[in-house]
Amino acid sequence: IAARLKGYLNKHAESVALLTEALELEPGSARLLRFRGHRRISTGDYTG
């Protein structure tokens, strides 16, 4: 929810950082990877 809010505020790098924190708690989560992948697109990190 926090990461999506950051995305809505166009703070995509901060959204990615939050989801990276979450993935440390739940490594490999398909759900978390889905949302971080989305926000990485928004930051221009298409390869990531």
All heavy atoms as atom14 arrays in JSON, in Angstrom:
{
  "sequence": "IAARLKGYLNKHAESVALLTEALELEPGSARLLRFRGHRRISTGDYTG",
  "atom14_mask": [
    [1, 1, 1, 1, 1, 1, 1, 1, 0, 0, 0, 0, 0, 0],
    [1, 1, 1, 1, 1, 0, 0, 0, 0, 0, 0, 0, 0, 0],
    [1, 1, 1, 1, 1, 0, 0, 0, 0, 0, 0, 0, 0, 0],
    [1, 1, 1, 1, 1, 1, 1, 1, 1, 1, 1, 0, 0, 0],
    [1, 1, 1, 1, 1, 1, 1, 1, 0, 0, 0, 0, 0, 0],
    [1, 1, 1, 1, 1, 1, 1, 1, 1, 0, 0, 0, 0, 0],
    [1, 1, 1, 1, 0, 0, 0, 0, 0, 0, 0, 0, 0, 0],
    [1, 1, 1, 1, 1, 1, 1, 1, 1, 1, 1, 1, 0, 0],
    [1, 1, 1, 1, 1, 1, 1, 1, 0, 0, 0, 0, 0, 0],
    [1, 1, 1, 1, 1, 1, 1, 1, 0, 0, 0, 0, 0, 0],
    [1, 1, 1, 1, 1, 1, 1, 1, 1, 0, 0, 0, 0, 0],
    [1, 1, 1, 1, 1, 1, 1, 1, 1, 1, 0, 0, 0, 0],
    [1, 1, 1, 1, 1, 0, 0, 0, 0, 0, 0, 0, 0, 0],
    [1, 1, 1, 1, 1, 1, 1, 1, 1, 0, 0, 0, 0, 0],
    [1, 1, 1, 1, 1, 1, 0, 0, 0, 0, 0, 0, 0, 0],
    [1, 1, 1, 1, 1, 1, 1, 0, 0, 0, 0, 0, 0, 0],
    [1, 1, 1, 1, 1, 0, 0, 0, 0, 0, 0, 0, 0, 0],
    [1, 1, 1, 1, 1, 1, 1, 1, 0, 0, 0, 0, 0, 0],
    [1, 1, 1, 1, 1, 1, 1, 1, 0, 0, 0, 0, 0, 0],
    [1, 1, 1, 1, 1, 1, 1, 0, 0, 0, 0, 0, 0, 0],
    [1, 1, 1, 1, 1, 1, 1, 1, 1, 0, 0, 0, 0, 0],
    [1, 1, 1, 1, 1, 0, 0, 0, 0, 0, 0, 0, 0, 0],
    [1, 1, 1, 1, 1, 1, 1, 1, 0, 0, 0, 0, 0, 0],
    [1, 1, 1, 1, 1, 1, 1, 1, 1, 0, 0, 0, 0, 0],
    [1, 1, 1, 1, 1, 1, 1, 1, 0, 0, 0, 0, 0, 0],
    [1, 1, 1, 1, 1, 1, 1, 1, 1, 0, 0, 0, 0, 0],
    [1, 1, 1, 1, 1, 1, 1, 0, 0, 0, 0, 0, 0, 0],
    [1, 1, 1, 1, 0, 0, 0, 0, 0, 0, 0, 0, 0, 0],
    [1, 1, 1, 1, 1, 1, 0, 0, 0, 0, 0, 0, 0, 0],
    [1, 1, 1, 1, 1, 0, 0, 0, 0, 0, 0, 0, 0, 0],
    [1, 1, 1, 1, 1, 1, 1, 1, 1, 1, 1, 0, 0, 0],
    [1, 1, 1, 1, 1, 1, 1, 1, 0, 0, 0, 0, 0, 0],
    [1, 1, 1, 1, 1, 1, 1, 1, 0, 0, 0, 0, 0, 0],
    [1, 1, 1, 1, 1, 1, 1, 1, 1, 1, 1, 0, 0, 0],
    [1, 1, 1, 1, 1, 1, 1, 1, 1, 1, 1, 0, 0, 0],
    [1, 1, 1, 1, 1, 1, 1, 1, 1, 1, 1, 0, 0, 0],
    [1, 1, 1, 1, 0, 0, 0, 0, 0, 0, 0, 0, 0, 0],
    [1, 1, 1, 1, 1, 1, 1, 1, 1, 1, 0, 0, 0, 0],
    [1, 1, 1, 1, 1, 1, 1, 1, 1, 1, 1, 0, 0, 0],
    [1, 1, 1, 1, 1, 1, 1, 1, 1, 1, 1, 0, 0, 0],
    [1, 1, 1, 1, 1, 1, 1, 1, 0, 0, 0, 0, 0, 0],
    [1, 1, 1, 1, 1, 1, 0, 0, 0, 0, 0, 0, 0, 0],
    [1, 1, 1, 1, 1, 1, 1, 0, 0, 0, 0, 0, 0, 0],
    [1, 1, 1, 1, 0, 0, 0, 0, 0, 0, 0, 0, 0, 0],
    [1, 1, 1, 1, 1, 1, 1, 1, 0, 0, 0, 0, 0, 0],
    [1, 1, 1, 1, 1, 1, 1, 1, 1, 1, 1, 1, 0, 0],
    [1, 1, 1, 1, 1, 1, 1, 0, 0, 0, 0, 0, 0, 0],
    [1, 1, 1, 1, 0, 0, 0, 0, 0, 0, 0, 0, 0, 0]
  ],
  "atom14_positions": [
    [[0.84, -1.2, 0.0], [0.0, 0.0, 0.0], [0.87, 1.25, 0.0], [0.64, 2.2, -0.76], [-0.94, 0.0, 1.22], [-1.98, -1.13, 1.1], [-1.65, 1.35, 1.36], [-2.83, -1.32, 2.35], [0.0, 0.0, 0.0], [0.0, 0.0, 0.0], [0.0, 0.0, 0.0], [0.0, 0.0, 0.0], [0.0, 0.0, 0.0], [0.0, 0.0, 0.0]],
    [[1.91, 1.27, 0.84], [2.81, 2.43, 0.91], [3.54, 2.63, -0.41], [3.69, 3.77, -0.89], [3.81, 2.24, 2.05], [0.0, 0.0, 0.0], [0.0, 0.0, 0.0], [0.0, 0.0, 0.0], [0.0, 0.0, 0.0], [0.0, 0.0, 0.0], [0.0, 0.0, 0.0], [0.0, 0.0, 0.0], [0.0, 0.0, 0.0], [0.0, 0.0, 0.0]],
    [[3.99, 1.55, -1.02], [4.71, 1.65, -2.29], [3.8, 2.14, -3.4], [4.2, 2.94, -4.25], [5.31, 0.3, -2.64], [0.0, 0.0, 0.0], [0.0, 0.0, 0.0], [0.0, 0.0, 0.0], [0.0, 0.0, 0.0], [0.0, 0.0, 0.0], [0.0, 0.0, 0.0], [0.0, 0.0, 0.0], [0.0, 0.0, 0.0], [0.0, 0.0, 0.0]],
    [[2.56, 1.68, -3.39], [1.62, 2.14, -4.42], [1.32, 3.63, -4.23], [1.22, 4.38, -5.2], [0.34, 1.31, -4.37], [0.56, -0.15, -4.71], [-0.72, -0.94, -4.87], [-1.34, -0.69, -6.17], [-2.41, -1.31, -6.62], [-3.01, -2.23, -5.87], [-2.91, -1.04, -7.81], [0.0, 0.0, 0.0], [0.0, 0.0, 0.0], [0.0, 0.0, 0.0]],
    [[1.19, 4.06, -2.98], [0.98, 5.48, -2.71], [2.14, 6.31, -3.24], [1.94, 7.36, -3.88], [0.8, 5.72, -1.2], [0.69, 7.19, -0.77], [-0.53, 7.86, -1.41], [0.62, 7.29, 0.75], [0.0, 0.0, 0.0], [0.0, 0.0, 0.0], [0.0, 0.0, 0.0], [0.0, 0.0, 0.0], [0.0, 0.0, 0.0], [0.0, 0.0, 0.0]],
    [[3.36, 5.86, -2.99], [4.53, 6.58, -3.5], [4.48, 6.66, -5.03], [4.83, 7.68, -5.63], [5.82, 5.88, -3.06], [6.17, 6.06, -1.59], [6.56, 7.48, -1.27], [7.11, 7.61, 0.14], [7.51, 9.0, 0.46], [0.0, 0.0, 0.0], [0.0, 0.0, 0.0], [0.0, 0.0, 0.0], [0.0, 0.0, 0.0], [0.0, 0.0, 0.0]],
    [[4.02, 5.57, -5.66], [3.9, 5.58, -7.12], [2.88, 6.6, -7.58], [3.1, 7.33, -8.56], [0.0, 0.0, 0.0], [0.0, 0.0, 0.0], [0.0, 0.0, 0.0], [0.0, 0.0, 0.0], [0.0, 0.0, 0.0], [0.0, 0.0, 0.0], [0.0, 0.0, 0.0], [0.0, 0.0, 0.0], [0.0, 0.0, 0.0], [0.0, 0.0, 0.0]],
    [[1.74, 6.69, -6.87], [0.71, 7.65, -7.25], [1.21, 9.08, -7.11], [0.75, 9.98, -7.81], [-0.54, 7.48, -6.37], [-1.14, 6.09, -6.39], [-1.86, 5.61, -5.3], [-1.01, 5.25, -7.49], [-2.42, 4.34, -5.3], [-1.56, 3.99, -7.5], [-2.27, 3.53, -6.4], [-2.81, 2.27, -6.41], [0.0, 0.0, 0.0], [0.0, 0.0, 0.0]],
    [[2.18, 9.27, -6.21], [2.77, 10.59, -6.0], [3.96, 10.85, -6.93], [4.67, 11.85, -6.78], [3.22, 10.74, -4.54], [2.1, 10.69, -3.48], [2.69, 10.64, -2.08], [1.18, 11.9, -3.63], [0.0, 0.0, 0.0], [0.0, 0.0, 0.0], [0.0, 0.0, 0.0], [0.0, 0.0, 0.0], [0.0, 0.0, 0.0], [0.0, 0.0, 0.0]],
    [[4.18, 9.92, -7.87], [5.29, 10.01, -8.81], [6.65, 9.97, -8.13], [7.63, 10.52, -8.65], [5.17, 11.26, -9.7], [4.02, 11.15, -10.68], [3.79, 10.1, -11.27], [3.28, 12.23, -10.85], [0.0, 0.0, 0.0], [0.0, 0.0, 0.0], [0.0, 0.0, 0.0], [0.0, 0.0, 0.0], [0.0, 0.0, 0.0], [0.0, 0.0, 0.0]],
    [[6.72, 9.28, -7.0], [7.99, 9.07, -6.31], [8.38, 7.61, -6.5], [8.39, 6.8, -5.56], [7.86, 9.45, -4.83], [7.53, 10.92, -4.61], [7.41, 11.27, -3.14], [7.13, 12.76, -2.95], [7.02, 13.14, -1.52], [0.0, 0.0, 0.0], [0.0, 0.0, 0.0], [0.0, 0.0, 0.0], [0.0, 0.0, 0.0], [0.0, 0.0, 0.0]],
    [[8.69, 7.26, -7.74], [8.84, 5.86, -8.11], [10.09, 5.21, -7.51], [10.07, 4.03, -7.16], [8.83, 5.74, -9.63], [7.6, 6.32, -10.25], [6.35, 5.76, -10.07], [7.41, 7.42, -11.02], [5.45, 6.48, -10.72], [6.07, 7.5, -11.3], [0.0, 0.0, 0.0], [0.0, 0.0, 0.0], [0.0, 0.0, 0.0], [0.0, 0.0, 0.0]],
    [[11.16, 5.97, -7.4], [12.38, 5.41, -6.79], [12.13, 5.05, -5.34], [12.62, 4.02, -4.84], [13.53, 6.4, -6.92], [0.0, 0.0, 0.0], [0.0, 0.0, 0.0], [0.0, 0.0, 0.0], [0.0, 0.0, 0.0], [0.0, 0.0, 0.0], [0.0, 0.0, 0.0], [0.0, 0.0, 0.0], [0.0, 0.0, 0.0], [0.0, 0.0, 0.0]],
    [[11.36, 5.88, -4.63], [11.03, 5.58, -3.24], [10.11, 4.36, -3.15], [10.2, 3.57, -2.21], [10.37, 6.8, -2.59], [11.32, 7.99, -2.44], [10.65, 9.2, -1.8], [9.66, 9.02, -1.07], [11.14, 10.32, -2.03], [0.0, 0.0, 0.0], [0.0, 0.0, 0.0], [0.0, 0.0, 0.0], [0.0, 0.0, 0.0], [0.0, 0.0, 0.0]],
    [[9.25, 4.21, -4.13], [8.4, 3.03, -4.19], [9.25, 1.77, -4.35], [9.04, 0.76, -3.67], [7.42, 3.16, -5.36], [6.59, 2.01, -5.46], [0.0, 0.0, 0.0], [0.0, 0.0, 0.0], [0.0, 0.0, 0.0], [0.0, 0.0, 0.0], [0.0, 0.0, 0.0], [0.0, 0.0, 0.0], [0.0, 0.0, 0.0], [0.0, 0.0, 0.0]],
    [[10.23, 1.83, -5.26], [11.13, 0.69, -5.47], [11.87, 0.36, -4.18], [12.02, -0.81, -3.81], [12.13, 1.0, -6.61], [13.25, -0.06, -6.66], [11.4, 1.05, -7.94], [0.0, 0.0, 0.0], [0.0, 0.0, 0.0], [0.0, 0.0, 0.0], [0.0, 0.0, 0.0], [0.0, 0.0, 0.0], [0.0, 0.0, 0.0], [0.0, 0.0, 0.0]],
    [[12.34, 1.4, -3.47], [13.09, 1.18, -2.23], [12.23, 0.48, -1.18], [12.7, -0.44, -0.48], [13.6, 2.52, -1.68], [0.0, 0.0, 0.0], [0.0, 0.0, 0.0], [0.0, 0.0, 0.0], [0.0, 0.0, 0.0], [0.0, 0.0, 0.0], [0.0, 0.0, 0.0], [0.0, 0.0, 0.0], [0.0, 0.0, 0.0], [0.0, 0.0, 0.0]],
    [[10.97, 0.87, -1.05], [10.08, 0.22, -0.09], [9.86, -1.25, -0.45], [9.87, -2.12, 0.42], [8.73, 0.95, -0.06], [8.68, 2.28, 0.69], [7.36, 2.99, 0.42], [8.87, 2.04, 2.19], [0.0, 0.0, 0.0], [0.0, 0.0, 0.0], [0.0, 0.0, 0.0], [0.0, 0.0, 0.0], [0.0, 0.0, 0.0], [0.0, 0.0, 0.0]],
    [[9.68, -1.52, -1.71], [9.44, -2.9, -2.14], [10.69, -3.75, -1.99], [10.61, -4.96, -1.73], [8.92, -2.91, -3.58], [7.52, -2.32, -3.72], [7.22, -1.94, -5.16], [6.46, -3.3, -3.2], [0.0, 0.0, 0.0], [0.0, 0.0, 0.0], [0.0, 0.0, 0.0], [0.0, 0.0, 0.0], [0.0, 0.0, 0.0], [0.0, 0.0, 0.0]],
    [[11.86, -3.12, -2.12], [13.11, -3.83, -1.88], [13.21, -4.22, -0.41], [13.63, -5.34, -0.08], [14.31, -2.97, -2.31], [14.2, -2.67, -3.7], [15.62, -3.68, -2.04], [0.0, 0.0, 0.0], [0.0, 0.0, 0.0], [0.0, 0.0, 0.0], [0.0, 0.0, 0.0], [0.0, 0.0, 0.0], [0.0, 0.0, 0.0], [0.0, 0.0, 0.0]],
    [[12.82, -3.32, 0.48], [12.77, -3.64, 1.91], [11.83, -4.82, 2.16], [12.14, -5.75, 2.91], [12.27, -2.43, 2.71], [13.28, -1.37, 3.0], [12.71, -0.3, 3.92], [11.85, -0.62, 4.78], [13.08, 0.87, 3.76], [0.0, 0.0, 0.0], [0.0, 0.0, 0.0], [0.0, 0.0, 0.0], [0.0, 0.0, 0.0], [0.0, 0.0, 0.0]],
    [[10.67, -4.77, 1.54], [9.68, -5.83, 1.74], [10.21, -7.17, 1.24], [9.95, -8.23, 1.87], [8.39, -5.48, 1.01], [0.0, 0.0, 0.0], [0.0, 0.0, 0.0], [0.0, 0.0, 0.0], [0.0, 0.0, 0.0], [0.0, 0.0, 0.0], [0.0, 0.0, 0.0], [0.0, 0.0, 0.0], [0.0, 0.0, 0.0], [0.0, 0.0, 0.0]],
    [[10.95, -7.16, 0.15], [11.5, -8.4, -0.39], [12.58, -8.99, 0.52], [12.84, -10.19, 0.47], [12.06, -8.17, -1.8], [10.99, -8.16, -2.9], [11.48, -7.46, -4.15], [10.56, -9.6, -3.22], [0.0, 0.0, 0.0], [0.0, 0.0, 0.0], [0.0, 0.0, 0.0], [0.0, 0.0, 0.0], [0.0, 0.0, 0.0], [0.0, 0.0, 0.0]],
    [[13.19, -8.17, 1.35], [14.13, -8.69, 2.34], [13.39, -9.5, 3.4], [13.93, -10.46, 3.97], [14.9, -7.54, 2.99], [15.86, -6.83, 2.03], [16.5, -5.61, 2.64], [16.19, -5.3, 3.82], [17.29, -4.94, 1.95], [0.0, 0.0, 0.0], [0.0, 0.0, 0.0], [0.0, 0.0, 0.0], [0.0, 0.0, 0.0], [0.0, 0.0, 0.0]],
    [[12.14, -9.13, 3.65], [11.31, -9.85, 4.61], [10.64, -11.07, 4.0], [10.38, -12.06, 4.69], [10.22, -8.92, 5.17], [10.7, -7.65, 5.87], [9.52, -6.76, 6.22], [11.48, -8.03, 7.14], [0.0, 0.0, 0.0], [0.0, 0.0, 0.0], [0.0, 0.0, 0.0], [0.0, 0.0, 0.0], [0.0, 0.0, 0.0], [0.0, 0.0, 0.0]],
    [[10.36, -10.99, 2.7], [9.69, -12.08, 1.99], [10.4, -12.31, 0.65], [9.87, -11.97, -0.42], [8.22, -11.73, 1.78], [7.35, -12.9, 1.41], [5.87, -12.52, 1.32], [5.44, -11.61, 2.07], [5.17, -13.15, 0.51], [0.0, 0.0, 0.0], [0.0, 0.0, 0.0], [0.0, 0.0, 0.0], [0.0, 0.0, 0.0], [0.0, 0.0, 0.0]],
    [[11.6, -12.87, 0.69], [12.39, -13.03, -0.54], [11.67, -13.84, -1.62], [11.03, -14.85, -1.33], [13.65, -13.77, -0.05], [13.72, -13.49, 1.41], [12.29, -13.4, 1.88], [0.0, 0.0, 0.0], [0.0, 0.0, 0.0], [0.0, 0.0, 0.0], [0.0, 0.0, 0.0], [0.0, 0.0, 0.0], [0.0, 0.0, 0.0], [0.0, 0.0, 0.0]],
    [[11.77, -13.35, -2.85], [11.22, -14.09, -3.98], [9.72, -14.02, -4.13], [9.16, -14.71, -4.99], [0.0, 0.0, 0.0], [0.0, 0.0, 0.0], [0.0, 0.0, 0.0], [0.0, 0.0, 0.0], [0.0, 0.0, 0.0], [0.0, 0.0, 0.0], [0.0, 0.0, 0.0], [0.0, 0.0, 0.0], [0.0, 0.0, 0.0], [0.0, 0.0, 0.0]],
    [[9.04, -13.19, -3.34], [7.58, -13.1, -3.42], [7.15, -12.64, -4.81], [7.54, -11.56, -5.27], [7.05, -12.12, -2.37], [5.73, -11.72, -2.66], [0.0, 0.0, 0.0], [0.0, 0.0, 0.0], [0.0, 0.0, 0.0], [0.0, 0.0, 0.0], [0.0, 0.0, 0.0], [0.0, 0.0, 0.0], [0.0, 0.0, 0.0], [0.0, 0.0, 0.0]],
    [[6.34, -13.44, -5.48], [5.87, -13.06, -6.82], [5.09, -11.76, -6.77], [5.2, -10.92, -7.67], [5.02, -14.18, -7.4], [0.0, 0.0, 0.0], [0.0, 0.0, 0.0], [0.0, 0.0, 0.0], [0.0, 0.0, 0.0], [0.0, 0.0, 0.0], [0.0, 0.0, 0.0], [0.0, 0.0, 0.0], [0.0, 0.0, 0.0], [0.0, 0.0, 0.0]],
    [[4.3, -11.59, -5.72], [3.49, -10.38, -5.59], [4.38, -9.14, -5.46], [4.17, -8.13, -6.12], [2.58, -10.5, -4.36], [1.69, -9.32, -4.11], [1.0, -9.44, -2.76], [0.08, -10.56, -2.71], [-0.47, -11.02, -1.58], [-0.14, -10.49, -0.43], [-1.31, -12.03, -1.61], [0.0, 0.0, 0.0], [0.0, 0.0, 0.0], [0.0, 0.0, 0.0]],
    [[5.4, -9.21, -4.59], [6.28, -8.07, -4.39], [7.13, -7.8, -5.64], [7.37, -6.64, -6.0], [7.19, -8.31, -3.18], [6.48, -8.31, -1.82], [7.43, -8.8, -0.72], [5.95, -6.93, -1.48], [0.0, 0.0, 0.0], [0.0, 0.0, 0.0], [0.0, 0.0, 0.0], [0.0, 0.0, 0.0], [0.0, 0.0, 0.0], [0.0, 0.0, 0.0]],
    [[7.57, -8.86, -6.29], [8.34, -8.68, -7.52], [7.49, -8.05, -8.61], [7.99, -7.26, -9.42], [8.89, -10.03, -7.99], [10.03, -10.61, -7.17], [10.27, -12.07, -7.53], [11.32, -9.8, -7.36], [0.0, 0.0, 0.0], [0.0, 0.0, 0.0], [0.0, 0.0, 0.0], [0.0, 0.0, 0.0], [0.0, 0.0, 0.0], [0.0, 0.0, 0.0]],
    [[6.2, -8.4, -8.65], [5.29, -7.81, -9.64], [5.23, -6.3, -9.47], [5.34, -5.54, -10.43], [3.9, -8.44, -9.5], [2.79, -7.72, -10.31], [2.0, -6.81, -9.35], [0.86, -6.18, -9.96], [0.85, -5.03, -10.61], [1.98, -4.38, -10.82], [-0.25, -4.51, -11.07], [0.0, 0.0, 0.0], [0.0, 0.0, 0.0], [0.0, 0.0, 0.0]],
    [[5.07, -5.84, -8.2], [4.94, -4.4, -7.97], [6.28, -3.68, -8.13], [6.33, -2.57, -8.66], [4.34, -4.14, -6.58], [2.86, -4.34, -6.55], [2.31, -5.48, -5.98], [2.0, -3.42, -7.12], [0.94, -5.68, -5.97], [0.63, -3.61, -7.12], [0.09, -4.75, -6.55], [0.0, 0.0, 0.0], [0.0, 0.0, 0.0], [0.0, 0.0, 0.0]],
    [[7.39, -4.31, -7.7], [8.68, -3.64, -7.89], [9.03, -3.56, -9.37], [9.56, -2.54, -9.84], [9.79, -4.34, -7.11], [11.07, -3.5, -7.1], [12.16, -4.06, -6.2], [12.75, -5.27, -6.75], [13.83, -5.87, -6.24], [14.41, -5.35, -5.16], [14.31, -6.97, -6.78], [0.0, 0.0, 0.0], [0.0, 0.0, 0.0], [0.0, 0.0, 0.0]],
    [[8.7, -4.62, -10.11], [8.95, -4.59, -11.54], [8.21, -3.45, -12.22], [8.75, -2.75, -13.08], [0.0, 0.0, 0.0], [0.0, 0.0, 0.0], [0.0, 0.0, 0.0], [0.0, 0.0, 0.0], [0.0, 0.0, 0.0], [0.0, 0.0, 0.0], [0.0, 0.0, 0.0], [0.0, 0.0, 0.0], [0.0, 0.0, 0.0], [0.0, 0.0, 0.0]],
    [[6.95, -3.25, -11.82], [6.14, -2.15, -12.36], [6.83, -0.82, -12.08], [7.0, 0.01, -12.99], [4.76, -2.2, -11.71], [3.84, -1.12, -12.16], [2.51, -1.08, -11.82], [4.04, 0.01, -12.9], [1.94, -0.02, -12.36], [2.85, 0.66, -13.0], [0.0, 0.0, 0.0], [0.0, 0.0, 0.0], [0.0, 0.0, 0.0], [0.0, 0.0, 0.0]],
    [[7.24, -0.6, -10.86], [7.84, 0.7, -10.51], [9.23, 0.86, -11.1], [9.67, 2.0, -11.34], [7.85, 0.87, -8.98], [6.47, 0.95, -8.38], [5.61, 2.02, -9.06], [4.21, 1.91, -8.69], [3.23, 2.57, -9.28], [3.49, 3.39, -10.28], [1.98, 2.41, -8.9], [0.0, 0.0, 0.0], [0.0, 0.0, 0.0], [0.0, 0.0, 0.0]],
    [[9.91, -0.22, -11.35], [11.2, -0.09, -12.03], [10.99, 0.4, -13.46], [11.83, 1.14, -14.0], [11.93, -1.44, -12.02], [12.66, -1.72, -10.71], [13.4, -3.03, -10.74], [14.68, -2.92, -10.06], [15.49, -3.95, -9.82], [15.17, -5.16, -10.24], [16.63, -3.77, -9.2], [0.0, 0.0, 0.0], [0.0, 0.0, 0.0], [0.0, 0.0, 0.0]],
    [[9.9, 0.0, -14.09], [9.59, 0.56, -15.4], [9.46, 2.07, -15.29], [10.01, 2.82, -16.1], [8.28, -0.05, -15.96], [8.44, -1.54, -16.25], [7.85, 0.7, -17.23], [7.15, -2.23, -16.66], [0.0, 0.0, 0.0], [0.0, 0.0, 0.0], [0.0, 0.0, 0.0], [0.0, 0.0, 0.0], [0.0, 0.0, 0.0], [0.0, 0.0, 0.0]],
    [[8.75, 2.52, -14.27], [8.51, 3.95, -14.1], [9.79, 4.74, -13.86], [9.85, 5.93, -14.16], [7.53, 4.18, -12.94], [6.3, 3.52, -13.19], [0.0, 0.0, 0.0], [0.0, 0.0, 0.0], [0.0, 0.0, 0.0], [0.0, 0.0, 0.0], [0.0, 0.0, 0.0], [0.0, 0.0, 0.0], [0.0, 0.0, 0.0], [0.0, 0.0, 0.0]],
    [[10.83, 4.09, -13.31], [12.1, 4.78, -13.09], [13.01, 4.69, -14.31], [14.1, 5.27, -14.33], [12.86, 4.18, -11.88], [13.22, 2.82, -12.17], [12.03, 4.25, -10.62], [0.0, 0.0, 0.0], [0.0, 0.0, 0.0], [0.0, 0.0, 0.0], [0.0, 0.0, 0.0], [0.0, 0.0, 0.0], [0.0, 0.0, 0.0], [0.0, 0.0, 0.0]],
    [[12.59, 3.95, -15.34], [13.41, 3.79, -16.53], [14.37, 2.61, -16.46], [15.17, 2.41, -17.38], [0.0, 0.0, 0.0], [0.0, 0.0, 0.0], [0.0, 0.0, 0.0], [0.0, 0.0, 0.0], [0.0, 0.0, 0.0], [0.0, 0.0, 0.0], [0.0, 0.0, 0.0], [0.0, 0.0, 0.0], [0.0, 0.0, 0.0], [0.0, 0.0, 0.0]],
    [[14.28, 1.83, -15.39], [15.15, 0.65, -15.24], [14.46, -0.55, -15.87], [13.97, -1.45, -15.18], [15.43, 0.4, -13.75], [16.32, -0.82, -13.51], [16.93, -1.31, -14.48], [16.4, -1.27, -12.34], [0.0, 0.0, 0.0], [0.0, 0.0, 0.0], [0.0, 0.0, 0.0], [0.0, 0.0, 0.0], [0.0, 0.0, 0.0], [0.0, 0.0, 0.0]],
    [[14.43, -0.58, -17.19], [13.68, -1.62, -17.89], [14.34, -2.99, -17.74], [13.65, -4.0, -17.62], [13.55, -1.26, -19.38], [12.94, 0.1, -19.61], [13.38, 0.92, -20.66], [11.92, 0.6, -18.79], [12.83, 2.17, -20.87], [11.37, 1.84, -19.0], [11.83, 2.63, -20.04], [11.29, 3.87, -20.25], [0.0, 0.0, 0.0], [0.0, 0.0, 0.0]],
    [[15.66, -3.02, -17.71], [16.35, -4.29, -17.53], [16.06, -4.88, -16.15], [15.77, -6.08, -16.02], [17.87, -4.11, -17.71], [18.13, -3.61, -19.03], [18.61, -5.41, -17.52], [0.0, 0.0, 0.0], [0.0, 0.0, 0.0], [0.0, 0.0, 0.0], [0.0, 0.0, 0.0], [0.0, 0.0, 0.0], [0.0, 0.0, 0.0], [0.0, 0.0, 0.0]],
    [[16.09, -4.03, -15.12], [15.76, -4.5, -13.78], [14.32, -4.95, -13.68], [14.0, -5.93, -12.99], [0.0, 0.0, 0.0], [0.0, 0.0, 0.0], [0.0, 0.0, 0.0], [0.0, 0.0, 0.0], [0.0, 0.0, 0.0], [0.0, 0.0, 0.0], [0.0, 0.0, 0.0], [0.0, 0.0, 0.0], [0.0, 0.0, 0.0], [0.0, 0.0, 0.0]]
  ]
}
